[in-house]
Amino acid sequence: MSKLSKSPERGTFQKEGYIRRAEEEGKEPNEDILNMWDNWNEYTKQQEQDPVWQKDNLEWDLRSTDWILEKARSSDAYAQNIYSALCNNEFTKREMWPILKDQRWSCTWRSAGGIVADMLGKGDYIDWYCSGIGGMVDYDTDPKEWAEKTGYVPEGTVTQEIEDDLFKLGWIVVDSCHHAN
């Protein structure tokens, strides 16, 4: 296990967008709103250090395991496939008690994008958010052609490689939208 991987830009997208919009409107940003984002980021830092938060938490395992961090950092397609697998799916630890207690872990699409940004040590959730629909954005691009070119898969898709790696990490997919080969 390594230390918890973190992107220095995580949690900046919304705050920076708010500041930019205020400047465009010729207004001073509201300090309470700026403080809200700063307080949230501080809360997140404290939470990440809490052993209770770390236990049975797929995010912790993804962000603190060297071999999976290396795989994500060496391939944008692999990183995107992790993002897509985290979307619309539930997971459980591959251990007796979490399975018997039906203890599940899931996250939002935004959180999934943020987890991948943290794994890579760069960017924010928006860099991965909705990345599975890439071929659909441009009506001139065939979605299958786009997926073959990039290796990206739609949100909710769990590739066999990701499923196998999550298994090695100690997790299984409980509910899956669809599997990809």
N, C-alpha and C. Protein backbone atom coordinates (compact mmCIF):
# COMPACT_ATOMS: atom_id res chain seq x y z
N MET A 1 0.83 -1.19 0.00
CA MET A 1 0.00 0.00 0.00
C MET A 1 0.88 1.26 0.00
N SER A 2 0.43 2.24 -0.74
CA SER A 2 1.13 3.52 -0.77
C SER A 2 0.33 4.52 0.04
N LYS A 3 0.82 5.74 0.08
CA LYS A 3 0.02 6.77 0.71
C LYS A 3 -1.18 7.06 -0.20
N LEU A 4 -2.16 7.74 0.29
CA LEU A 4 -3.38 8.02 -0.46
C LEU A 4 -3.08 8.98 -1.61
N SER A 5 -3.35 8.55 -2.82
CA SER A 5 -3.12 9.37 -4.00
C SER A 5 -4.13 10.52 -4.03
N LYS A 6 -3.66 11.71 -4.37
CA LYS A 6 -4.52 12.90 -4.34
C LYS A 6 -4.13 13.82 -5.49
N SER A 7 -5.13 14.37 -6.15
CA SER A 7 -4.90 15.38 -7.17
C SER A 7 -4.91 16.76 -6.52
N PRO A 8 -3.88 17.58 -6.77
CA PRO A 8 -3.90 18.93 -6.20
C PRO A 8 -5.03 19.79 -6.76
N GLU A 9 -5.56 19.41 -7.92
CA GLU A 9 -6.66 20.19 -8.52
C GLU A 9 -8.04 19.71 -8.08
N ARG A 10 -8.10 18.59 -7.33
CA ARG A 10 -9.40 18.04 -6.92
C ARG A 10 -10.14 19.06 -6.08
N GLY A 11 -11.39 19.27 -6.43
CA GLY A 11 -12.23 20.20 -5.69
C GLY A 11 -12.08 21.65 -6.13
N THR A 12 -11.42 21.89 -7.27
CA THR A 12 -11.22 23.28 -7.71
C THR A 12 -12.14 23.68 -8.87
N PHE A 13 -12.67 22.73 -9.61
CA PHE A 13 -13.42 23.04 -10.82
C PHE A 13 -14.61 23.97 -10.53
N GLN A 14 -15.42 23.63 -9.55
CA GLN A 14 -16.61 24.44 -9.28
C GLN A 14 -16.26 25.80 -8.69
N LYS A 15 -15.29 25.83 -7.78
CA LYS A 15 -14.89 27.09 -7.18
C LYS A 15 -14.32 28.04 -8.23
N GLU A 16 -13.43 27.53 -9.07
CA GLU A 16 -12.83 28.37 -10.11
C GLU A 16 -13.88 28.86 -11.11
N GLY A 17 -14.83 28.00 -11.43
CA GLY A 17 -15.92 28.40 -12.33
C GLY A 17 -16.77 29.51 -11.71
N TYR A 18 -17.04 29.41 -10.42
CA TYR A 18 -17.82 30.43 -9.72
C TYR A 18 -17.08 31.76 -9.74
N ILE A 19 -15.78 31.73 -9.45
CA ILE A 19 -14.97 32.95 -9.45
C ILE A 19 -14.97 33.58 -10.85
N ARG A 20 -14.80 32.75 -11.87
CA ARG A 20 -14.78 33.24 -13.25
C ARG A 20 -16.12 33.89 -13.63
N ARG A 21 -17.22 33.26 -13.26
CA ARG A 21 -18.54 33.83 -13.58
C ARG A 21 -18.75 35.15 -12.86
N ALA A 22 -18.33 35.23 -11.60
CA ALA A 22 -18.46 36.48 -10.85
C ALA A 22 -17.66 37.59 -11.52
N GLU A 23 -16.43 37.27 -11.94
CA GLU A 23 -15.59 38.27 -12.62
C GLU A 23 -16.23 38.72 -13.93
N GLU A 24 -16.79 37.78 -14.69
CA GLU A 24 -17.46 38.12 -15.95
C GLU A 24 -18.64 39.05 -15.74
N GLU A 25 -19.30 38.91 -14.59
CA GLU A 25 -20.44 39.76 -14.26
C GLU A 25 -20.02 41.04 -13.56
N GLY A 26 -18.70 41.21 -13.35
CA GLY A 26 -18.18 42.41 -12.69
C GLY A 26 -18.49 42.44 -11.21
N LYS A 27 -18.66 41.29 -10.58
CA LYS A 27 -18.98 41.21 -9.16
C LYS A 27 -17.82 40.58 -8.40
N GLU A 28 -17.79 40.87 -7.12
CA GLU A 28 -16.84 40.20 -6.22
C GLU A 28 -17.44 38.85 -5.82
N PRO A 29 -16.65 37.80 -5.84
CA PRO A 29 -17.18 36.50 -5.38
C PRO A 29 -17.59 36.57 -3.91
N ASN A 30 -18.68 35.93 -3.59
CA ASN A 30 -19.19 35.88 -2.23
C ASN A 30 -18.24 35.04 -1.37
N GLU A 31 -17.73 35.65 -0.30
CA GLU A 31 -16.76 34.97 0.57
C GLU A 31 -17.36 33.74 1.23
N ASP A 32 -18.65 33.78 1.54
CA ASP A 32 -19.29 32.61 2.17
C ASP A 32 -19.27 31.41 1.23
N ILE A 33 -19.49 31.66 -0.06
CA ILE A 33 -19.48 30.57 -1.03
C ILE A 33 -18.05 30.04 -1.21
N LEU A 34 -17.08 30.94 -1.28
CA LEU A 34 -15.68 30.51 -1.38
C LEU A 34 -15.28 29.69 -0.15
N ASN A 35 -15.69 30.15 1.03
CA ASN A 35 -15.38 29.43 2.27
C ASN A 35 -16.05 28.06 2.29
N MET A 36 -17.26 27.97 1.71
CA MET A 36 -17.95 26.69 1.67
C MET A 36 -17.09 25.64 0.97
N TRP A 37 -16.50 25.98 -0.19
CA TRP A 37 -15.66 25.03 -0.92
C TRP A 37 -14.39 24.71 -0.14
N ASP A 38 -13.80 25.75 0.47
CA ASP A 38 -12.59 25.51 1.27
C ASP A 38 -12.90 24.59 2.45
N ASN A 39 -14.03 24.83 3.11
CA ASN A 39 -14.42 24.00 4.25
C ASN A 39 -14.69 22.57 3.81
N TRP A 40 -15.32 22.39 2.65
CA TRP A 40 -15.58 21.05 2.14
C TRP A 40 -14.27 20.31 1.87
N ASN A 41 -13.32 21.00 1.25
CA ASN A 41 -12.03 20.38 0.96
C ASN A 41 -11.30 20.00 2.26
N GLU A 42 -11.39 20.84 3.28
CA GLU A 42 -10.77 20.54 4.57
C GLU A 42 -11.46 19.35 5.23
N TYR A 43 -12.78 19.31 5.17
CA TYR A 43 -13.55 18.18 5.71
C TYR A 43 -13.13 16.88 5.02
N THR A 44 -12.98 16.93 3.71
CA THR A 44 -12.59 15.75 2.95
C THR A 44 -11.22 15.26 3.39
N LYS A 45 -10.26 16.17 3.57
CA LYS A 45 -8.92 15.79 4.03
C LYS A 45 -8.97 15.07 5.38
N GLN A 46 -9.77 15.61 6.29
CA GLN A 46 -9.90 15.01 7.62
C GLN A 46 -10.56 13.63 7.52
N GLN A 47 -11.60 13.54 6.71
CA GLN A 47 -12.32 12.28 6.54
C GLN A 47 -11.40 11.19 6.00
N GLU A 48 -10.56 11.54 5.04
CA GLU A 48 -9.66 10.57 4.42
C GLU A 48 -8.65 9.98 5.41
N GLN A 49 -8.42 10.68 6.51
CA GLN A 49 -7.49 10.19 7.53
C GLN A 49 -8.17 9.33 8.59
N ASP A 50 -9.48 9.24 8.54
CA ASP A 50 -10.27 8.51 9.53
C ASP A 50 -10.28 7.01 9.19
N PRO A 51 -9.76 6.15 10.08
CA PRO A 51 -9.75 4.71 9.82
C PRO A 51 -11.15 4.13 9.57
N VAL A 52 -12.17 4.72 10.15
CA VAL A 52 -13.54 4.25 9.92
C VAL A 52 -13.93 4.50 8.46
N TRP A 53 -13.56 5.65 7.92
CA TRP A 53 -13.86 5.96 6.51
C TRP A 53 -13.07 5.02 5.58
N GLN A 54 -11.86 4.69 5.97
CA GLN A 54 -10.99 3.86 5.13
C GLN A 54 -11.46 2.41 5.06
N LYS A 55 -12.12 1.92 6.10
CA LYS A 55 -12.51 0.51 6.17
C LYS A 55 -13.63 0.20 5.18
N ASP A 56 -13.48 -0.88 4.45
CA ASP A 56 -14.50 -1.32 3.49
C ASP A 56 -14.90 -0.20 2.54
N ASN A 57 -13.90 0.53 2.06
CA ASN A 57 -14.13 1.69 1.19
C ASN A 57 -13.33 1.49 -0.10
N LEU A 58 -14.03 1.24 -1.19
CA LEU A 58 -13.37 1.00 -2.47
C LEU A 58 -12.53 2.20 -2.89
N GLU A 59 -13.01 3.40 -2.63
CA GLU A 59 -12.22 4.58 -2.97
C GLU A 59 -10.85 4.53 -2.29
N TRP A 60 -10.82 4.22 -1.01
CA TRP A 60 -9.56 4.14 -0.28
C TRP A 60 -8.64 3.10 -0.93
N ASP A 61 -9.21 1.94 -1.23
CA ASP A 61 -8.39 0.87 -1.80
C ASP A 61 -7.84 1.26 -3.18
N LEU A 62 -8.65 1.90 -4.00
CA LEU A 62 -8.20 2.32 -5.33
C LEU A 62 -7.10 3.38 -5.23
N ARG A 63 -7.24 4.30 -4.30
CA ARG A 63 -6.33 5.43 -4.19
C ARG A 63 -5.09 5.14 -3.37
N SER A 64 -5.01 3.94 -2.77
CA SER A 64 -3.86 3.65 -1.90
C SER A 64 -3.13 2.36 -2.28
N THR A 65 -3.45 1.79 -3.42
CA THR A 65 -2.83 0.53 -3.84
C THR A 65 -1.93 0.79 -5.05
N ASP A 66 -0.64 0.59 -4.85
CA ASP A 66 0.35 0.96 -5.86
C ASP A 66 0.10 0.35 -7.23
N TRP A 67 -0.16 -0.95 -7.31
CA TRP A 67 -0.24 -1.59 -8.62
C TRP A 67 -1.43 -1.09 -9.44
N ILE A 68 -2.54 -0.77 -8.80
CA ILE A 68 -3.69 -0.29 -9.57
C ILE A 68 -3.51 1.18 -9.93
N LEU A 69 -2.84 1.93 -9.06
CA LEU A 69 -2.51 3.32 -9.39
C LEU A 69 -1.60 3.37 -10.61
N GLU A 70 -0.61 2.49 -10.66
CA GLU A 70 0.31 2.45 -11.78
C GLU A 70 -0.41 2.12 -13.08
N LYS A 71 -1.34 1.15 -13.03
CA LYS A 71 -2.09 0.80 -14.23
C LYS A 71 -2.92 1.99 -14.72
N ALA A 72 -3.56 2.69 -13.80
CA ALA A 72 -4.39 3.84 -14.18
C ALA A 72 -3.51 4.96 -14.75
N ARG A 73 -2.36 5.19 -14.15
CA ARG A 73 -1.47 6.26 -14.60
C ARG A 73 -0.82 5.96 -15.94
N SER A 74 -0.75 4.69 -16.30
CA SER A 74 -0.08 4.34 -17.55
C SER A 74 -1.04 4.22 -18.73
N SER A 75 -2.35 4.36 -18.49
CA SER A 75 -3.31 4.21 -19.59
C SER A 75 -4.58 5.01 -19.33
N ASP A 76 -4.83 6.00 -20.18
CA ASP A 76 -6.08 6.77 -20.06
C ASP A 76 -7.29 5.87 -20.25
N ALA A 77 -7.19 4.89 -21.14
CA ALA A 77 -8.32 3.98 -21.37
C ALA A 77 -8.62 3.19 -20.10
N TYR A 78 -7.59 2.69 -19.44
CA TYR A 78 -7.79 1.94 -18.19
C TYR A 78 -8.40 2.85 -17.13
N ALA A 79 -7.88 4.07 -16.99
CA ALA A 79 -8.43 5.02 -16.02
C ALA A 79 -9.90 5.29 -16.31
N GLN A 80 -10.24 5.49 -17.59
CA GLN A 80 -11.63 5.75 -17.95
C GLN A 80 -12.49 4.52 -17.67
N ASN A 81 -11.95 3.34 -17.88
CA ASN A 81 -12.70 2.11 -17.61
C ASN A 81 -12.99 1.95 -16.12
N ILE A 82 -12.08 2.40 -15.26
CA ILE A 82 -12.36 2.42 -13.82
C ILE A 82 -13.50 3.37 -13.54
N TYR A 83 -13.42 4.59 -14.10
CA TYR A 83 -14.50 5.57 -13.93
C TYR A 83 -15.83 4.95 -14.33
N SER A 84 -15.89 4.36 -15.51
CA SER A 84 -17.16 3.80 -16.00
C SER A 84 -17.67 2.68 -15.11
N ALA A 85 -16.76 1.84 -14.62
CA ALA A 85 -17.18 0.75 -13.74
C ALA A 85 -17.78 1.27 -12.44
N LEU A 86 -17.23 2.37 -11.92
CA LEU A 86 -17.74 2.93 -10.67
C LEU A 86 -19.12 3.55 -10.82
N CYS A 87 -19.48 3.95 -12.04
CA CYS A 87 -20.77 4.59 -12.29
C CYS A 87 -21.89 3.55 -12.35
N ASN A 88 -22.97 3.82 -11.63
CA ASN A 88 -24.20 3.00 -11.69
C ASN A 88 -24.01 1.56 -11.24
N ASN A 89 -23.00 1.28 -10.47
CA ASN A 89 -22.78 -0.07 -9.97
C ASN A 89 -22.57 -0.04 -8.46
N GLU A 90 -22.77 -1.20 -7.86
CA GLU A 90 -22.52 -1.37 -6.44
C GLU A 90 -21.50 -2.49 -6.26
N PHE A 91 -20.71 -2.36 -5.20
CA PHE A 91 -19.61 -3.28 -4.94
C PHE A 91 -19.65 -3.71 -3.49
N THR A 92 -19.07 -4.85 -3.21
CA THR A 92 -18.91 -5.30 -1.83
C THR A 92 -17.54 -5.92 -1.68
N LYS A 93 -17.02 -5.85 -0.45
CA LYS A 93 -15.75 -6.51 -0.16
C LYS A 93 -15.93 -8.00 -0.37
N ARG A 94 -14.91 -8.63 -0.85
CA ARG A 94 -14.92 -10.07 -1.10
C ARG A 94 -14.54 -10.79 0.20
N GLU A 95 -15.36 -10.55 1.22
CA GLU A 95 -15.16 -11.15 2.54
C GLU A 95 -16.53 -11.59 3.07
N MET A 96 -16.52 -12.56 3.98
CA MET A 96 -17.76 -13.16 4.44
C MET A 96 -18.72 -12.14 5.07
N TRP A 97 -18.27 -11.37 6.05
CA TRP A 97 -19.20 -10.49 6.77
C TRP A 97 -19.80 -9.39 5.89
N PRO A 98 -19.01 -8.68 5.12
CA PRO A 98 -19.65 -7.67 4.24
C PRO A 98 -20.67 -8.29 3.28
N ILE A 99 -20.37 -9.50 2.78
CA ILE A 99 -21.32 -10.15 1.86
C ILE A 99 -22.58 -10.55 2.61
N LEU A 100 -22.43 -11.19 3.78
CA LEU A 100 -23.60 -11.62 4.55
C LEU A 100 -24.44 -10.44 5.02
N LYS A 101 -23.80 -9.32 5.35
CA LYS A 101 -24.52 -8.13 5.81
C LYS A 101 -25.05 -7.30 4.64
N ASP A 102 -24.79 -7.76 3.41
CA ASP A 102 -25.19 -7.03 2.21
C ASP A 102 -24.66 -5.58 2.26
N GLN A 103 -23.43 -5.46 2.70
CA GLN A 103 -22.76 -4.17 2.84
C GLN A 103 -22.23 -3.75 1.48
N ARG A 104 -22.73 -2.66 0.95
CA ARG A 104 -22.37 -2.24 -0.40
C ARG A 104 -21.70 -0.88 -0.42
N TRP A 105 -20.89 -0.69 -1.45
CA TRP A 105 -20.22 0.59 -1.69
C TRP A 105 -20.62 1.06 -3.08
N SER A 106 -20.95 2.34 -3.21
CA SER A 106 -21.23 2.94 -4.51
C SER A 106 -20.88 4.41 -4.44
N CYS A 107 -20.89 5.06 -5.60
CA CYS A 107 -20.60 6.49 -5.63
C CYS A 107 -21.32 7.14 -6.81
N THR A 108 -21.36 8.46 -6.81
CA THR A 108 -21.95 9.21 -7.91
C THR A 108 -20.98 9.28 -9.08
N TRP A 109 -21.47 9.69 -10.23
CA TRP A 109 -20.60 9.87 -11.39
C TRP A 109 -19.54 10.92 -11.10
N ARG A 110 -19.92 12.00 -10.42
CA ARG A 110 -18.93 13.03 -10.07
C ARG A 110 -17.86 12.47 -9.16
N SER A 111 -18.29 11.72 -8.16
CA SER A 111 -17.30 11.12 -7.26
C SER A 111 -16.39 10.16 -8.01
N ALA A 112 -16.96 9.38 -8.92
CA ALA A 112 -16.16 8.45 -9.72
C ALA A 112 -15.09 9.21 -10.50
N GLY A 113 -15.48 10.32 -11.13
CA GLY A 113 -14.50 11.14 -11.85
C GLY A 113 -13.43 11.69 -10.94
N GLY A 114 -13.82 12.11 -9.75
CA GLY A 114 -12.87 12.63 -8.78
C GLY A 114 -11.91 11.56 -8.26
N ILE A 115 -12.43 10.35 -8.08
CA ILE A 115 -11.58 9.25 -7.63
C ILE A 115 -10.50 8.98 -8.67
N VAL A 116 -10.88 8.97 -9.94
CA VAL A 116 -9.90 8.73 -11.00
C VAL A 116 -8.89 9.87 -11.06
N ALA A 117 -9.36 11.12 -10.93
CA ALA A 117 -8.42 12.26 -10.91
C ALA A 117 -7.43 12.11 -9.76
N ASP A 118 -7.93 11.70 -8.60
CA ASP A 118 -7.03 11.49 -7.46
C ASP A 118 -6.06 10.34 -7.73
N MET A 119 -6.55 9.27 -8.34
CA MET A 119 -5.66 8.15 -8.66
C MET A 119 -4.53 8.59 -9.57
N LEU A 120 -4.84 9.46 -10.53
CA LEU A 120 -3.84 9.93 -11.48
C LEU A 120 -2.95 11.02 -10.90
N GLY A 121 -3.42 11.65 -9.81
CA GLY A 121 -2.66 12.73 -9.20
C GLY A 121 -2.75 14.03 -9.98
N LYS A 122 -3.84 14.16 -10.80
CA LYS A 122 -4.01 15.39 -11.57
C LYS A 122 -5.47 15.54 -11.99
N GLY A 123 -5.88 16.79 -12.16
CA GLY A 123 -7.21 17.07 -12.65
C GLY A 123 -8.28 17.05 -11.58
N ASP A 124 -9.52 17.14 -12.05
CA ASP A 124 -10.69 17.13 -11.17
C ASP A 124 -11.73 16.21 -11.79
N TYR A 125 -12.85 16.07 -11.13
CA TYR A 125 -13.86 15.12 -11.59
C TYR A 125 -14.31 15.38 -13.02
N ILE A 126 -14.32 16.64 -13.42
CA ILE A 126 -14.85 17.02 -14.73
C ILE A 126 -14.02 16.44 -15.88
N ASP A 127 -12.78 16.09 -15.61
CA ASP A 127 -11.93 15.51 -16.65
C ASP A 127 -12.40 14.12 -17.07
N TRP A 128 -13.21 13.46 -16.22
CA TRP A 128 -13.68 12.10 -16.52
C TRP A 128 -15.19 12.02 -16.60
N TYR A 129 -15.88 12.98 -16.02
CA TYR A 129 -17.34 12.99 -15.96
C TYR A 129 -17.95 12.89 -17.36
N CYS A 130 -18.81 11.92 -17.55
CA CYS A 130 -19.49 11.65 -18.84
C CYS A 130 -18.51 11.26 -19.95
N SER A 131 -17.33 10.78 -19.62
CA SER A 131 -16.35 10.40 -20.64
C SER A 131 -16.78 9.17 -21.43
N GLY A 132 -17.75 8.44 -20.95
CA GLY A 132 -18.22 7.26 -21.66
C GLY A 132 -19.13 7.55 -22.83
N ILE A 133 -19.59 8.81 -22.94
CA ILE A 133 -20.49 9.16 -24.04
C ILE A 133 -19.77 9.89 -25.16
N GLY A 134 -18.45 9.91 -25.11
CA GLY A 134 -17.64 10.69 -26.05
C GLY A 134 -18.04 10.61 -27.50
N GLY A 135 -18.30 9.42 -28.00
CA GLY A 135 -18.66 9.26 -29.40
C GLY A 135 -20.04 9.80 -29.71
N MET A 136 -20.84 10.00 -28.69
CA MET A 136 -22.20 10.49 -28.90
C MET A 136 -22.25 12.01 -29.02
N VAL A 137 -21.24 12.68 -28.51
CA VAL A 137 -21.25 14.14 -28.50
C VAL A 137 -21.16 14.71 -29.91
N ASP A 138 -20.37 14.11 -30.74
CA ASP A 138 -20.17 14.56 -32.11
C ASP A 138 -20.98 13.65 -33.02
N TYR A 139 -22.03 14.17 -33.60
CA TYR A 139 -22.93 13.34 -34.41
C TYR A 139 -22.27 12.77 -35.66
N ASP A 140 -21.08 13.30 -36.00
CA ASP A 140 -20.37 12.78 -37.17
C ASP A 140 -19.49 11.58 -36.83
N THR A 141 -19.36 11.27 -35.53
CA THR A 141 -18.50 10.17 -35.11
C THR A 141 -19.35 8.97 -34.72
N ASP A 142 -19.03 7.84 -35.26
CA ASP A 142 -19.71 6.60 -34.90
C ASP A 142 -19.27 6.19 -33.49
N PRO A 143 -20.22 5.99 -32.55
CA PRO A 143 -19.85 5.65 -31.18
C PRO A 143 -18.97 4.40 -31.07
N LYS A 144 -19.25 3.38 -31.87
CA LYS A 144 -18.44 2.16 -31.82
C LYS A 144 -17.02 2.44 -32.31
N GLU A 145 -16.91 3.23 -33.36
CA GLU A 145 -15.60 3.60 -33.89
C GLU A 145 -14.81 4.38 -32.84
N TRP A 146 -15.49 5.33 -32.19
CA TRP A 146 -14.86 6.13 -31.15
C TRP A 146 -14.38 5.24 -30.00
N ALA A 147 -15.21 4.29 -29.57
CA ALA A 147 -14.85 3.40 -28.47
C ALA A 147 -13.65 2.52 -28.85
N GLU A 148 -13.64 2.03 -30.08
CA GLU A 148 -12.51 1.20 -30.53
C GLU A 148 -11.22 2.02 -30.57
N LYS A 149 -11.33 3.28 -30.98
CA LYS A 149 -10.15 4.14 -31.09
C LYS A 149 -9.60 4.52 -29.71
N THR A 150 -10.48 4.81 -28.76
CA THR A 150 -10.04 5.31 -27.45
C THR A 150 -9.92 4.22 -26.39
N GLY A 151 -10.69 3.14 -26.53
CA GLY A 151 -10.74 2.13 -25.47
C GLY A 151 -11.71 2.51 -24.36
N TYR A 152 -12.39 3.64 -24.51
CA TYR A 152 -13.35 4.09 -23.50
C TYR A 152 -14.64 3.29 -23.63
N VAL A 153 -15.35 3.13 -22.50
CA VAL A 153 -16.60 2.40 -22.48
C VAL A 153 -17.68 3.26 -21.81
N PRO A 154 -18.95 2.97 -22.09
CA PRO A 154 -20.04 3.77 -21.48
C PRO A 154 -20.09 3.62 -19.96
N GLU A 155 -20.62 4.64 -19.30
CA GLU A 155 -20.82 4.60 -17.86
C GLU A 155 -21.63 3.37 -17.48
N GLY A 156 -21.22 2.71 -16.42
CA GLY A 156 -21.90 1.51 -15.95
C GLY A 156 -21.29 0.23 -16.47
N THR A 157 -20.42 0.34 -17.47
CA THR A 157 -19.80 -0.84 -18.06
C THR A 157 -18.62 -1.29 -17.20
N VAL A 158 -18.58 -2.59 -16.93
CA VAL A 158 -17.46 -3.17 -16.19
C VAL A 158 -16.72 -4.09 -17.16
N THR A 159 -15.53 -3.69 -17.56
CA THR A 159 -14.75 -4.55 -18.46
C THR A 159 -14.23 -5.74 -17.66
N GLN A 160 -13.88 -6.78 -18.36
CA GLN A 160 -13.35 -7.97 -17.68
C GLN A 160 -12.06 -7.63 -16.93
N GLU A 161 -11.22 -6.80 -17.53
CA GLU A 161 -9.98 -6.42 -16.87
C GLU A 161 -10.25 -5.69 -15.55
N ILE A 162 -11.18 -4.77 -15.56
CA ILE A 162 -11.51 -4.03 -14.34
C ILE A 162 -12.13 -4.97 -13.31
N GLU A 163 -13.03 -5.84 -13.74
CA GLU A 163 -13.63 -6.80 -12.82
C GLU A 163 -12.56 -7.69 -12.18
N ASP A 164 -11.63 -8.16 -12.99
CA ASP A 164 -10.54 -9.00 -12.48
C ASP A 164 -9.65 -8.23 -11.50
N ASP A 165 -9.34 -6.98 -11.82
CA ASP A 165 -8.48 -6.19 -10.94
C ASP A 165 -9.18 -5.83 -9.64
N LEU A 166 -10.47 -5.54 -9.70
CA LEU A 166 -11.22 -5.27 -8.47
C LEU A 166 -11.25 -6.53 -7.60
N PHE A 167 -11.38 -7.68 -8.22
CA PHE A 167 -11.36 -8.95 -7.49
C PHE A 167 -10.03 -9.12 -6.77
N LYS A 168 -8.92 -8.83 -7.47
CA LYS A 168 -7.59 -8.92 -6.85
C LYS A 168 -7.46 -7.93 -5.70
N LEU A 169 -8.15 -6.80 -5.84
CA LEU A 169 -8.12 -5.76 -4.81
C LEU A 169 -9.01 -6.13 -3.62
N GLY A 170 -9.83 -7.18 -3.81
CA GLY A 170 -10.68 -7.63 -2.70
C GLY A 170 -12.13 -7.21 -2.82
N TRP A 171 -12.57 -6.85 -4.03
CA TRP A 171 -13.93 -6.36 -4.25
C TRP A 171 -14.61 -7.13 -5.36
N ILE A 172 -15.94 -7.23 -5.27
CA ILE A 172 -16.74 -7.81 -6.35
C ILE A 172 -17.86 -6.85 -6.72
N VAL A 173 -18.26 -6.92 -7.97
CA VAL A 173 -19.37 -6.11 -8.46
C VAL A 173 -20.66 -6.82 -8.03
N VAL A 174 -21.54 -6.09 -7.34
CA VAL A 174 -22.81 -6.66 -6.89
C VAL A 174 -23.86 -6.46 -7.97
N ASP A 175 -23.98 -5.24 -8.43
CA ASP A 175 -24.93 -4.92 -9.49
C ASP A 175 -24.14 -4.27 -10.62
N SER A 176 -24.42 -4.70 -11.82
CA SER A 176 -23.72 -4.13 -12.96
C SER A 176 -24.71 -3.83 -14.05
N CYS A 177 -24.58 -2.63 -14.64
CA CYS A 177 -25.43 -2.28 -15.79
C CYS A 177 -25.16 -3.22 -16.94
N HIS A 178 -23.89 -3.35 -17.30
CA HIS A 178 -23.50 -4.25 -18.37
C HIS A 178 -22.01 -4.55 -18.29
N HIS A 179 -21.67 -5.68 -18.79
CA HIS A 179 -20.27 -6.11 -18.85
C HIS A 179 -19.78 -5.97 -20.27
N ALA A 180 -18.50 -5.68 -20.39
CA ALA A 180 -17.88 -5.61 -21.71
C ALA A 180 -16.78 -6.67 -21.76
N ASN A 181 -16.49 -7.14 -22.91
CA ASN A 181 -15.40 -8.13 -23.05
C ASN A 181 -14.07 -7.46 -23.14
